[in-house]
């Protein structure tokens, strides 16, 4: 199991436990994390699972591929730490991963 921390745009932290091998988006949807929608079902096409990978965690991830970079070009509020949660496969090496969620994806 992998612990992941989601931090929303107002600083509320939500820790969830996910299965090794799931994507970050799948974990967020399973645990009903607000602000991660995943309209495309993880096909890297919609950017509704846009997140910011916090601090040193980015170096532990494989770099985004061309498809992810292209989809991020159409996302709002893109930053250097931007990634798509559907493209982050969880593993023991990512236990404790912390991601921040963009303000425009905030749900009431």
PDB file of N, CA and C in Angstrom:
ATOM      1  N   UNK A   1       0.837  -1.179   0.000  1.00  0.00           N
ATOM      2  CA  UNK A   1       0.000   0.000   0.000  1.00  0.00           C
ATOM      3  C   UNK A   1       0.886   1.248   0.000  1.00  0.00           C
ATOM      4  N   UNK A   2       0.346   2.296  -0.596  1.00  0.00           N
ATOM      5  CA  UNK A   2       1.084   3.547  -0.762  1.00  0.00           C
ATOM      6  C   UNK A   2       0.251   4.681  -0.171  1.00  0.00           C
ATOM      7  N   UNK A   3       0.842   5.465   0.696  1.00  0.00           N
ATOM      8  CA  UNK A   3       0.146   6.626   1.231  1.00  0.00           C
ATOM      9  C   UNK A   3       0.414   7.819   0.316  1.00  0.00           C
ATOM     10  N   UNK A   4      -0.654   8.554   0.009  1.00  0.00           N
ATOM     11  CA  UNK A   4      -0.557   9.744  -0.830  1.00  0.00           C
ATOM     12  C   UNK A   4      -1.279  10.877  -0.107  1.00  0.00           C
ATOM     13  N   UNK A   5      -0.717  12.075  -0.183  1.00  0.00           N
ATOM     14  CA  UNK A   5      -1.333  13.239   0.437  1.00  0.00           C
ATOM     15  C   UNK A   5      -1.722  14.220  -0.666  1.00  0.00           C
ATOM     16  N   UNK A   6      -3.008  14.583  -0.690  1.00  0.00           N
ATOM     17  CA  UNK A   6      -3.524  15.586  -1.610  1.00  0.00           C
ATOM     18  C   UNK A   6      -3.752  16.864  -0.812  1.00  0.00           C
ATOM     19  N   UNK A   7      -3.275  17.992  -1.339  1.00  0.00           N
ATOM     20  CA  UNK A   7      -3.449  19.276  -0.672  1.00  0.00           C
ATOM     21  C   UNK A   7      -4.263  20.163  -1.602  1.00  0.00           C
ATOM     22  N   UNK A   8      -5.460  20.573  -1.155  1.00  0.00           N
ATOM     23  CA  UNK A   8      -6.294  21.376  -2.038  1.00  0.00           C
ATOM     24  C   UNK A   8      -5.829  22.828  -2.069  1.00  0.00           C
ATOM     25  N   UNK A   9      -6.492  23.638  -2.861  1.00  0.00           N
ATOM     26  CA  UNK A   9      -6.061  25.013  -3.109  1.00  0.00           C
ATOM     27  C   UNK A   9      -6.124  25.912  -1.880  1.00  0.00           C
ATOM     28  N   UNK A  10      -6.876  25.512  -0.844  1.00  0.00           N
ATOM     29  CA  UNK A  10      -6.931  26.307   0.380  1.00  0.00           C
ATOM     30  C   UNK A  10      -6.099  25.693   1.501  1.00  0.00           C
ATOM     31  N   UNK A  11      -5.316  24.649   1.175  1.00  0.00           N
ATOM     32  CA  UNK A  11      -4.391  24.058   2.126  1.00  0.00           C
ATOM     33  C   UNK A  11      -4.903  22.870   2.914  1.00  0.00           C
ATOM     34  N   UNK A  12      -6.121  22.421   2.621  1.00  0.00           N
ATOM     35  CA  UNK A  12      -6.650  21.250   3.323  1.00  0.00           C
ATOM     36  C   UNK A  12      -5.947  20.001   2.807  1.00  0.00           C
ATOM     37  N   UNK A  13      -5.382  19.229   3.730  1.00  0.00           N
ATOM     38  CA  UNK A  13      -4.633  18.011   3.398  1.00  0.00           C
ATOM     39  C   UNK A  13      -5.541  16.803   3.565  1.00  0.00           C
ATOM     40  N   UNK A  14      -5.435  15.889   2.620  1.00  0.00           N
ATOM     41  CA  UNK A  14      -6.200  14.649   2.697  1.00  0.00           C
ATOM     42  C   UNK A  14      -5.263  13.494   2.368  1.00  0.00           C
ATOM     43  N   UNK A  15      -5.077  12.612   3.323  1.00  0.00           N
ATOM     44  CA  UNK A  15      -4.200  11.467   3.137  1.00  0.00           C
ATOM     45  C   UNK A  15      -5.043  10.251   2.782  1.00  0.00           C
ATOM     46  N   UNK A  16      -4.606   9.518   1.761  1.00  0.00           N
ATOM     47  CA  UNK A  16      -5.310   8.297   1.355  1.00  0.00           C
ATOM     48  C   UNK A  16      -4.291   7.168   1.212  1.00  0.00           C
ATOM     49  N   UNK A  17      -4.792   5.959   1.310  1.00  0.00           N
ATOM     50  CA  UNK A  17      -3.960   4.782   1.097  1.00  0.00           C
ATOM     51  C   UNK A  17      -4.390   4.142  -0.208  1.00  0.00           C
ATOM     52  N   UNK A  18      -3.438   3.923  -1.093  1.00  0.00           N
ATOM     53  CA  UNK A  18      -3.719   3.389  -2.425  1.00  0.00           C
ATOM     54  C   UNK A  18      -2.980   2.082  -2.643  1.00  0.00           C
ATOM     55  N   UNK A  19      -3.445   1.338  -3.617  1.00  0.00           N
ATOM     56  CA  UNK A  19      -2.788   0.086  -3.978  1.00  0.00           C
ATOM     57  C   UNK A  19      -1.566   0.354  -4.849  1.00  0.00           C
ATOM     58  N   UNK A  20      -0.525  -0.405  -4.611  1.00  0.00           N
ATOM     59  CA  UNK A  20       0.663  -0.385  -5.454  1.00  0.00           C
ATOM     60  C   UNK A  20       0.235  -0.738  -6.880  1.00  0.00           C
ATOM     61  N   UNK A  21       0.610   0.070  -7.846  1.00  0.00           N
ATOM     62  CA  UNK A  21       0.264  -0.179  -9.243  1.00  0.00           C
ATOM     63  C   UNK A  21      -0.880   0.670  -9.760  1.00  0.00           C
ATOM     64  N   UNK A  22      -1.710   1.217  -8.860  1.00  0.00           N
ATOM     65  CA  UNK A  22      -2.773   2.122  -9.290  1.00  0.00           C
ATOM     66  C   UNK A  22      -2.162   3.441  -9.749  1.00  0.00           C
ATOM     67  N   UNK A  23      -2.907   4.191 -10.523  1.00  0.00           N
ATOM     68  CA  UNK A  23      -2.456   5.543 -10.839  1.00  0.00           C
ATOM     69  C   UNK A  23      -2.916   6.478  -9.725  1.00  0.00           C
ATOM     70  N   UNK A  24      -2.277   7.619  -9.653  1.00  0.00           N
ATOM     71  CA  UNK A  24      -2.656   8.631  -8.684  1.00  0.00           C
ATOM     72  C   UNK A  24      -4.108   9.050  -8.900  1.00  0.00           C
ATOM     73  N   UNK A  25      -4.540   9.153 -10.153  1.00  0.00           N
ATOM     74  CA  UNK A  25      -5.927   9.511 -10.459  1.00  0.00           C
ATOM     75  C   UNK A  25      -6.891   8.450  -9.943  1.00  0.00           C
ATOM     76  N   UNK A  26      -6.567   7.181 -10.148  1.00  0.00           N
ATOM     77  CA  UNK A  26      -7.436   6.105  -9.663  1.00  0.00           C
ATOM     78  C   UNK A  26      -7.577   6.159  -8.148  1.00  0.00           C
ATOM     79  N   UNK A  27      -6.480   6.425  -7.456  1.00  0.00           N
ATOM     80  CA  UNK A  27      -6.521   6.535  -6.002  1.00  0.00           C
ATOM     81  C   UNK A  27      -7.396   7.703  -5.570  1.00  0.00           C
ATOM     82  N   UNK A  28      -7.270   8.835  -6.250  1.00  0.00           N
ATOM     83  CA  UNK A  28      -8.063  10.013  -5.903  1.00  0.00           C
ATOM     84  C   UNK A  28      -9.554   9.751  -6.121  1.00  0.00           C
ATOM     85  N   UNK A  29      -9.888   9.145  -7.231  1.00  0.00           N
ATOM     86  CA  UNK A  29     -11.300   8.868  -7.516  1.00  0.00           C
ATOM     87  C   UNK A  29     -11.860   7.844  -6.535  1.00  0.00           C
ATOM     88  N   UNK A  30     -11.104   6.794  -6.257  1.00  0.00           N
ATOM     89  CA  UNK A  30     -11.566   5.769  -5.318  1.00  0.00           C
ATOM     90  C   UNK A  30     -11.864   6.363  -3.945  1.00  0.00           C
ATOM     91  N   UNK A  31     -11.048   7.334  -3.533  1.00  0.00           N
ATOM     92  CA  UNK A  31     -11.209   7.939  -2.211  1.00  0.00           C
ATOM     93  C   UNK A  31     -11.975   9.260  -2.262  1.00  0.00           C
ATOM     94  N   UNK A  32     -12.601   9.538  -3.403  1.00  0.00           N
ATOM     95  CA  UNK A  32     -13.442  10.718  -3.589  1.00  0.00           C
ATOM     96  C   UNK A  32     -12.739  12.016  -3.196  1.00  0.00           C
ATOM     97  N   UNK A  33     -11.516  12.153  -3.674  1.00  0.00           N
ATOM     98  CA  UNK A  33     -10.759  13.375  -3.436  1.00  0.00           C
ATOM     99  C   UNK A  33     -11.352  14.479  -4.307  1.00  0.00           C
ATOM    100  N   UNK A  34     -11.854  15.540  -3.674  1.00  0.00           N
ATOM    101  CA  UNK A  34     -12.392  16.648  -4.477  1.00  0.00           C
ATOM    102  C   UNK A  34     -11.292  17.241  -5.358  1.00  0.00           C
ATOM    103  N   UNK A  35     -11.650  17.724  -6.489  1.00  0.00           N
ATOM    104  CA  UNK A  35     -10.753  18.408  -7.426  1.00  0.00           C
ATOM    105  C   UNK A  35     -10.062  17.483  -8.416  1.00  0.00           C
ATOM    106  N   UNK A  36     -10.176  16.181  -8.274  1.00  0.00           N
ATOM    107  CA  UNK A  36      -9.660  15.251  -9.280  1.00  0.00           C
ATOM    108  C   UNK A  36     -10.874  14.567  -9.897  1.00  0.00           C
ATOM    109  N   UNK A  37     -11.087  14.821 -11.189  1.00  0.00           N
ATOM    110  CA  UNK A  37     -12.286  14.311 -11.845  1.00  0.00           C
ATOM    111  C   UNK A  37     -11.952  13.128 -12.751  1.00  0.00           C
ATOM    112  N   UNK A  38     -11.003  13.307 -13.641  1.00  0.00           N
ATOM    113  CA  UNK A  38     -10.624  12.224 -14.550  1.00  0.00           C
ATOM    114  C   UNK A  38     -11.695  11.901 -15.570  1.00  0.00           C
ATOM    115  N   UNK A  39     -12.245  12.923 -16.219  1.00  0.00           N
ATOM    116  CA  UNK A  39     -13.309  12.723 -17.206  1.00  0.00           C
ATOM    117  C   UNK A  39     -12.945  11.705 -18.281  1.00  0.00           C
ATOM    118  N   UNK A  40     -11.692  11.694 -18.702  1.00  0.00           N
ATOM    119  CA  UNK A  40     -11.301  10.814 -19.811  1.00  0.00           C
ATOM    120  C   UNK A  40     -10.974   9.395 -19.349  1.00  0.00           C
ATOM    121  N   UNK A  41     -11.086   9.146 -18.060  1.00  0.00           N
ATOM    122  CA  UNK A  41     -10.842   7.803 -17.543  1.00  0.00           C
ATOM    123  C   UNK A  41      -9.383   7.396 -17.525  1.00  0.00           C
ATOM    124  N   UNK A  42      -8.490   8.365 -17.566  1.00  0.00           N
ATOM    125  CA  UNK A  42      -7.070   8.048 -17.505  1.00  0.00           C
ATOM    126  C   UNK A  42      -6.396   7.921 -18.856  1.00  0.00           C
ATOM    127  N   UNK A  43      -7.030   8.439 -19.885  1.00  0.00           N
ATOM    128  CA  UNK A  43      -6.481   8.346 -21.241  1.00  0.00           C
ATOM    129  C   UNK A  43      -5.554   9.509 -21.595  1.00  0.00           C
ATOM    130  N   UNK A  44      -5.245  10.369 -20.622  1.00  0.00           N
ATOM    131  CA  UNK A  44      -4.328  11.488 -20.833  1.00  0.00           C
ATOM    132  C   UNK A  44      -4.856  12.450 -21.895  1.00  0.00           C
ATOM    133  N   UNK A  45      -6.151  12.750 -21.814  1.00  0.00           N
ATOM    134  CA  UNK A  45      -6.759  13.572 -22.853  1.00  0.00           C
ATOM    135  C   UNK A  45      -7.468  14.821 -22.337  1.00  0.00           C
ATOM    136  N   UNK A  46      -7.757  14.910 -21.026  1.00  0.00           N
ATOM    137  CA  UNK A  46      -8.626  16.005 -20.596  1.00  0.00           C
ATOM    138  C   UNK A  46      -8.010  16.961 -19.582  1.00  0.00           C
ATOM    139  N   UNK A  47      -7.006  16.557 -18.863  1.00  0.00           N
ATOM    140  CA  UNK A  47      -6.324  17.361 -17.838  1.00  0.00           C
ATOM    141  C   UNK A  47      -7.197  17.668 -16.619  1.00  0.00           C
ATOM    142  N   UNK A  48      -8.285  16.916 -16.407  1.00  0.00           N
ATOM    143  CA  UNK A  48      -9.096  17.138 -15.206  1.00  0.00           C
ATOM    144  C   UNK A  48      -8.519  16.421 -13.988  1.00  0.00           C
ATOM    145  N   UNK A  49      -7.326  15.870 -14.153  1.00  0.00           N
ATOM    146  CA  UNK A  49      -6.599  15.282 -13.013  1.00  0.00           C
ATOM    147  C   UNK A  49      -5.268  16.008 -12.825  1.00  0.00           C
ATOM    148  N   UNK A  50      -5.200  17.237 -13.324  1.00  0.00           N
ATOM    149  CA  UNK A  50      -4.006  18.076 -13.219  1.00  0.00           C
ATOM    150  C   UNK A  50      -3.655  18.261 -11.745  1.00  0.00           C
ATOM    151  N   UNK A  51      -2.384  18.141 -11.433  1.00  0.00           N
ATOM    152  CA  UNK A  51      -1.909  18.362 -10.072  1.00  0.00           C
ATOM    153  C   UNK A  51      -0.484  18.896 -10.136  1.00  0.00           C
ATOM    154  N   UNK A  52      -0.009  19.344  -8.996  1.00  0.00           N
ATOM    155  CA  UNK A  52       1.363  19.821  -8.870  1.00  0.00           C
ATOM    156  C   UNK A  52       2.104  18.871  -7.932  1.00  0.00           C
ATOM    157  N   UNK A  53       3.169  18.290  -8.409  1.00  0.00           N
ATOM    158  CA  UNK A  53       3.952  17.362  -7.595  1.00  0.00           C
ATOM    159  C   UNK A  53       4.872  18.182  -6.695  1.00  0.00           C
ATOM    160  N   UNK A  54       4.734  17.977  -5.400  1.00  0.00           N
ATOM    161  CA  UNK A  54       5.441  18.795  -4.420  1.00  0.00           C
ATOM    162  C   UNK A  54       6.916  18.430  -4.303  1.00  0.00           C
ATOM    163  N   UNK A  55       7.736  19.451  -4.191  1.00  0.00           N
ATOM    164  CA  UNK A  55       9.154  19.344  -3.853  1.00  0.00           C
ATOM    165  C   UNK A  55       9.955  18.267  -4.553  1.00  0.00           C
ATOM    166  N   UNK A  56      10.664  17.491  -3.755  1.00  0.00           N
ATOM    167  CA  UNK A  56      11.589  16.484  -4.266  1.00  0.00           C
ATOM    168  C   UNK A  56      10.897  15.285  -4.915  1.00  0.00           C
ATOM    169  N   UNK A  57       9.586  15.180  -4.765  1.00  0.00           N
ATOM    170  CA  UNK A  57       8.882  14.033  -5.344  1.00  0.00           C
ATOM    171  C   UNK A  57       8.994  14.015  -6.861  1.00  0.00           C
ATOM    172  N   UNK A  58       9.067  15.160  -7.491  1.00  0.00           N
ATOM    173  CA  UNK A  58       9.141  15.221  -8.957  1.00  0.00           C
ATOM    174  C   UNK A  58      10.329  14.433  -9.494  1.00  0.00           C
ATOM    175  N   UNK A  59      11.443  14.468  -8.789  1.00  0.00           N
ATOM    176  CA  UNK A  59      12.646  13.758  -9.232  1.00  0.00           C
ATOM    177  C   UNK A  59      12.478  12.244  -9.154  1.00  0.00           C
ATOM    178  N   UNK A  60      11.512  11.767  -8.386  1.00  0.00           N
ATOM    179  CA  UNK A  60      11.276  10.330  -8.247  1.00  0.00           C
ATOM    180  C   UNK A  60      10.333   9.783  -9.315  1.00  0.00           C
ATOM    181  N   UNK A  61       9.789  10.675 -10.124  1.00  0.00           N
ATOM    182  CA  UNK A  61       8.851  10.270 -11.181  1.00  0.00           C
ATOM    183  C   UNK A  61       9.550  10.224 -12.525  1.00  0.00           C
ATOM    184  N   UNK A  62       9.110   9.325 -13.406  1.00  0.00           N
ATOM    185  CA  UNK A  62       9.625   9.398 -14.770  1.00  0.00           C
ATOM    186  C   UNK A  62       9.151  10.712 -15.397  1.00  0.00           C
ATOM    187  N   UNK A  63       9.907  11.262 -16.307  1.00  0.00           N
ATOM    188  CA  UNK A  63       9.475  12.522 -16.916  1.00  0.00           C
ATOM    189  C   UNK A  63       8.198  12.320 -17.726  1.00  0.00           C
ATOM    190  N   UNK A  64       7.418  13.388 -17.901  1.00  0.00           N
ATOM    191  CA  UNK A  64       6.204  13.255 -18.711  1.00  0.00           C
ATOM    192  C   UNK A  64       6.562  12.915 -20.155  1.00  0.00           C
ATOM    193  N   UNK A  65       5.735  12.083 -20.787  1.00  0.00           N
ATOM    194  CA  UNK A  65       5.967  11.764 -22.193  1.00  0.00           C
ATOM    195  C   UNK A  65       5.341  12.853 -23.066  1.00  0.00           C
ATOM    196  N   UNK A  66       5.489  12.731 -24.366  1.00  0.00           N
ATOM    197  CA  UNK A  66       4.984  13.748 -25.297  1.00  0.00           C
ATOM    198  C   UNK A  66       3.479  13.951 -25.169  1.00  0.00           C
ATOM    199  N   UNK A  67       2.741  12.869 -24.980  1.00  0.00           N
ATOM    200  CA  UNK A  67       1.286  12.971 -24.866  1.00  0.00           C
ATOM    201  C   UNK A  67       0.885  13.763 -23.622  1.00  0.00           C
ATOM    202  N   UNK A  68       1.529  13.484 -22.502  1.00  0.00           N
ATOM    203  CA  UNK A  68       1.222  14.224 -21.273  1.00  0.00           C
ATOM    204  C   UNK A  68       1.594  15.696 -21.420  1.00  0.00           C
ATOM    205  N   UNK A  69       2.751  15.974 -21.990  1.00  0.00           N
ATOM    206  CA  UNK A  69       3.158  17.376 -22.197  1.00  0.00           C
ATOM    207  C   UNK A  69       2.162  18.101 -23.099  1.00  0.00           C
ATOM    208  N   UNK A  70       1.689  17.430 -24.142  1.00  0.00           N
ATOM    209  CA  UNK A  70       0.717  18.038 -25.049  1.00  0.00           C
ATOM    210  C   UNK A  70      -0.596  18.335 -24.326  1.00  0.00           C
ATOM    211  N   UNK A  71      -1.071  17.390 -23.512  1.00  0.00           N
ATOM    212  CA  UNK A  71      -2.313  17.607 -22.772  1.00  0.00           C
ATOM    213  C   UNK A  71      -2.143  18.732 -21.764  1.00  0.00           C
ATOM    214  N   UNK A  72      -1.007  18.806 -21.110  1.00  0.00           N
ATOM    215  CA  UNK A  72      -0.762  19.892 -20.152  1.00  0.00           C
ATOM    216  C   UNK A  72      -0.730  21.254 -20.827  1.00  0.00           C
ATOM    217  N   UNK A  73      -0.366  21.310 -22.087  1.00  0.00           N
ATOM    218  CA  UNK A  73      -0.372  22.600 -22.808  1.00  0.00           C
ATOM    219  C   UNK A  73      -1.777  23.185 -22.874  1.00  0.00           C
ATOM    220  N   UNK A  74      -2.790  22.339 -22.771  1.00  0.00           N
ATOM    221  CA  UNK A  74      -4.182  22.796 -22.837  1.00  0.00           C
ATOM    222  C   UNK A  74      -4.800  22.975 -21.452  1.00  0.00           C
ATOM    223  N   UNK A  75      -4.043  22.711 -20.419  1.00  0.00           N
ATOM    224  CA  UNK A  75      -4.548  22.840 -19.047  1.00  0.00           C
ATOM    225  C   UNK A  75      -4.422  24.280 -18.565  1.00  0.00           C
ATOM    226  N   UNK A  76      -5.164  24.596 -17.518  1.00  0.00           N
ATOM    227  CA  UNK A  76      -5.088  25.914 -16.902  1.00  0.00           C
ATOM    228  C   UNK A  76      -4.064  25.909 -15.779  1.00  0.00           C
ATOM    229  N   UNK A  77      -3.474  27.064 -15.534  1.00  0.00           N
ATOM    230  CA  UNK A  77      -2.560  27.258 -14.401  1.00  0.00           C
ATOM    231  C   UNK A  77      -1.409  26.256 -14.370  1.00  0.00           C
ATOM    232  N   UNK A  78      -0.814  25.989 -15.510  1.00  0.00           N
ATOM    233  CA  UNK A  78       0.311  25.051 -15.593  1.00  0.00           C
ATOM    234  C   UNK A  78       1.554  25.695 -14.981  1.00  0.00           C
ATOM    235  N   UNK A  79       2.260  24.900 -14.189  1.00  0.00           N
ATOM    236  CA  UNK A  79       3.498  25.317 -13.535  1.00  0.00           C
ATOM    237  C   UNK A  79       4.568  24.272 -13.836  1.00  0.00           C
ATOM    238  N   UNK A  80       5.826  24.561 -13.529  1.00  0.00           N
ATOM    239  CA  UNK A  80       6.872  23.546 -13.752  1.00  0.00           C
ATOM    240  C   UNK A  80       6.589  22.220 -13.036  1.00  0.00           C
ATOM    241  N   UNK A  81       5.874  22.256 -11.918  1.00  0.00           N
ATOM    242  CA  UNK A  81       5.573  21.041 -11.158  1.00  0.00           C
ATOM    243  C   UNK A  81       4.306  20.334 -11.636  1.00  0.00           C
ATOM    244  N   UNK A  82       3.687  20.818 -12.712  1.00  0.00           N
ATOM    245  CA  UNK A  82       2.439  20.236 -13.207  1.00  0.00           C
ATOM    246  C   UNK A  82       2.626  18.833 -13.757  1.00  0.00           C
ATOM    247  N   UNK A  83       1.710  17.960 -13.394  1.00  0.00           N
ATOM    248  CA  UNK A  83       1.634  16.606 -13.936  1.00  0.00           C
ATOM    249  C   UNK A  83       0.165  16.209 -14.023  1.00  0.00           C
ATOM    250  N   UNK A  84      -0.093  15.149 -14.756  1.00  0.00           N
ATOM    251  CA  UNK A  84      -1.433  14.569 -14.813  1.00  0.00           C
ATOM    252  C   UNK A  84      -1.437  13.340 -13.910  1.00  0.00           C
ATOM    253  N   UNK A  85      -2.367  13.306 -12.985  1.00  0.00           N
ATOM    254  CA  UNK A  85      -2.423  12.205 -12.019  1.00  0.00           C
ATOM    255  C   UNK A  85      -2.654  10.860 -12.699  1.00  0.00           C
ATOM    256  N   UNK A  86      -3.263  10.872 -13.880  1.00  0.00           N
ATOM    257  CA  UNK A  86      -3.500   9.610 -14.591  1.00  0.00           C
ATOM    258  C   UNK A  86      -2.214   9.009 -15.138  1.00  0.00           C
ATOM    259  N   UNK A  87      -1.151   9.777 -15.150  1.00  0.00           N
ATOM    260  CA  UNK A  87       0.118   9.305 -15.696  1.00  0.00           C
ATOM    261  C   UNK A  87       1.138   8.960 -14.612  1.00  0.00           C
ATOM    262  N   UNK A  88       0.733   9.056 -13.360  1.00  0.00           N
ATOM    263  CA  UNK A  88       1.632   8.739 -12.251  1.00  0.00           C
ATOM    264  C   UNK A  88       1.223   7.392 -11.667  1.00  0.00           C
ATOM    265  N   UNK A  89       2.040   6.388 -11.901  1.00  0.00           N
ATOM    266  CA  UNK A  89       1.795   5.031 -11.399  1.00  0.00           C
ATOM    267  C   UNK A  89       2.421   4.916 -10.010  1.00  0.00           C
ATOM    268  N   UNK A  90       1.610   4.553  -9.033  1.00  0.00           N
ATOM    269  CA  UNK A  90       2.076   4.492  -7.646  1.00  0.00           C
ATOM    270  C   UNK A  90       2.864   3.218  -7.359  1.00  0.00           C
ATOM    271  N   UNK A  91       3.867   3.365  -6.513  1.00  0.00           N
ATOM    272  CA  UNK A  91       4.697   2.237  -6.088  1.00  0.00           C
ATOM    273  C   UNK A  91       5.225   2.548  -4.698  1.00  0.00           C
ATOM    274  N   UNK A  92       5.855   1.564  -4.084  1.00  0.00           N
ATOM    275  CA  UNK A  92       6.420   1.761  -2.748  1.00  0.00           C
ATOM    276  C   UNK A  92       7.403   2.929  -2.715  1.00  0.00           C
ATOM    277  N   UNK A  93       8.084   3.174  -3.817  1.00  0.00           N
ATOM    278  CA  UNK A  93       9.040   4.284  -3.882  1.00  0.00           C
ATOM    279  C   UNK A  93       8.351   5.641  -3.749  1.00  0.00           C
ATOM    280  N   UNK A  94       7.037   5.663  -3.967  1.00  0.00           N
ATOM    281  CA  UNK A  94       6.288   6.921  -3.887  1.00  0.00           C
ATOM    282  C   UNK A  94       5.456   7.019  -2.608  1.00  0.00           C
ATOM    283  N   UNK A  95       5.716   6.141  -1.652  1.00  0.00           N
ATOM    284  CA  UNK A  95       4.985   6.190  -0.388  1.00  0.00           C
ATOM    285  C   UNK A  95       5.229   7.537   0.279  1.00  0.00           C
ATOM    286  N   UNK A  96       4.158   8.272   0.572  1.00  0.00           N
ATOM    287  CA  UNK A  96       4.255   9.605   1.152  1.00  0.00           C
ATOM    288  C   UNK A  96       4.159  10.726   0.126  1.00  0.00           C
ATOM    289  N   UNK A  97       3.998  10.375  -1.148  1.00  0.00           N
ATOM    290  CA  UNK A  97       3.889  11.374  -2.220  1.00  0.00           C
ATOM    291  C   UNK A  97       2.876  12.447  -1.842  1.00  0.00           C
ATOM    292  N   UNK A  98       3.252  13.697  -2.046  1.00  0.00           N
ATOM    293  CA  UNK A  98       2.370  14.824  -1.780  1.00  0.00           C
ATOM    294  C   UNK A  98       2.162  15.598  -3.073  1.00  0.00           C
ATOM    295  N   UNK A  99       0.894  15.846  -3.389  1.00  0.00           N
ATOM    296  CA  UNK A  99       0.558  16.642  -4.564  1.00  0.00           C
ATOM    297  C   UNK A  99      -0.406  17.743  -4.159  1.00  0.00           C
ATOM    298  N   UNK A 100      -0.275  18.872  -4.842  1.00  0.00           N
ATOM    299  CA  UNK A 100      -1.183  19.995  -4.622  1.00  0.00           C
ATOM    300  C   UNK A 100      -2.151  20.057  -5.788  1.00  0.00           C
ATOM    301  N   UNK A 101      -3.352  20.556  -5.513  1.00  0.00           N
ATOM    302  CA  UNK A 101      -4.400  20.597  -6.525  1.00  0.00           C
ATOM    303  C   UNK A 101      -4.661  22.033  -6.943  1.00  0.00           C
ATOM    304  N   UNK A 102      -4.824  22.279  -8.242  1.00  0.00           N
ATOM    305  CA  UNK A 102      -5.027  23.637  -8.735  1.00  0.00           C
ATOM    306  C   UNK A 102      -6.343  24.258  -8.237  1.00  0.00           C
ATOM    307  N   UNK A 103      -6.317  25.569  -8.026  1.00  0.00           N
ATOM    308  CA  UNK A 103      -7.492  26.281  -7.546  1.00  0.00           C
ATOM    309  C   UNK A 103      -8.668  26.155  -8.506  1.00  0.00           C
ATOM    310  N   UNK A 104      -8.409  26.148  -9.811  1.00  0.00           N
ATOM    311  CA  UNK A 104      -9.520  26.100 -10.771  1.00  0.00           C
ATOM    312  C   UNK A 104     -10.265  24.761 -10.749  1.00  0.00           C
ATOM    313  N   UNK A 105      -9.667  23.740 -10.137  1.00  0.00           N
ATOM    314  CA  UNK A 105     -10.324  22.439 -10.046  1.00  0.00           C
ATOM    315  C   UNK A 105     -11.043  22.259  -8.706  1.00  0.00           C
ATOM    316  N   UNK A 106     -10.999  23.276  -7.887  1.00  0.00           N
ATOM    317  CA  UNK A 106     -11.610  23.187  -6.551  1.00  0.00           C
ATOM    318  C   UNK A 106     -13.112  22.962  -6.675  1.00  0.00           C
ATOM    319  N   UNK A 107     -13.580  22.001  -5.902  1.00  0.00           N
ATOM    320  CA  UNK A 107     -15.006  21.717  -5.897  1.00  0.00           C
ATOM    321  C   UNK A 107     -15.575  22.156  -4.559  1.00  0.00           C
ATOM    322  N   UNK A 108     -16.826  22.585  -4.544  1.00  0.00           N
ATOM    323  CA  UNK A 108     -17.407  23.068  -3.282  1.00  0.00           C
ATOM    324  C   UNK A 108     -17.575  21.974  -2.257  1.00  0.00           C
TER     325      UNK A 108
END
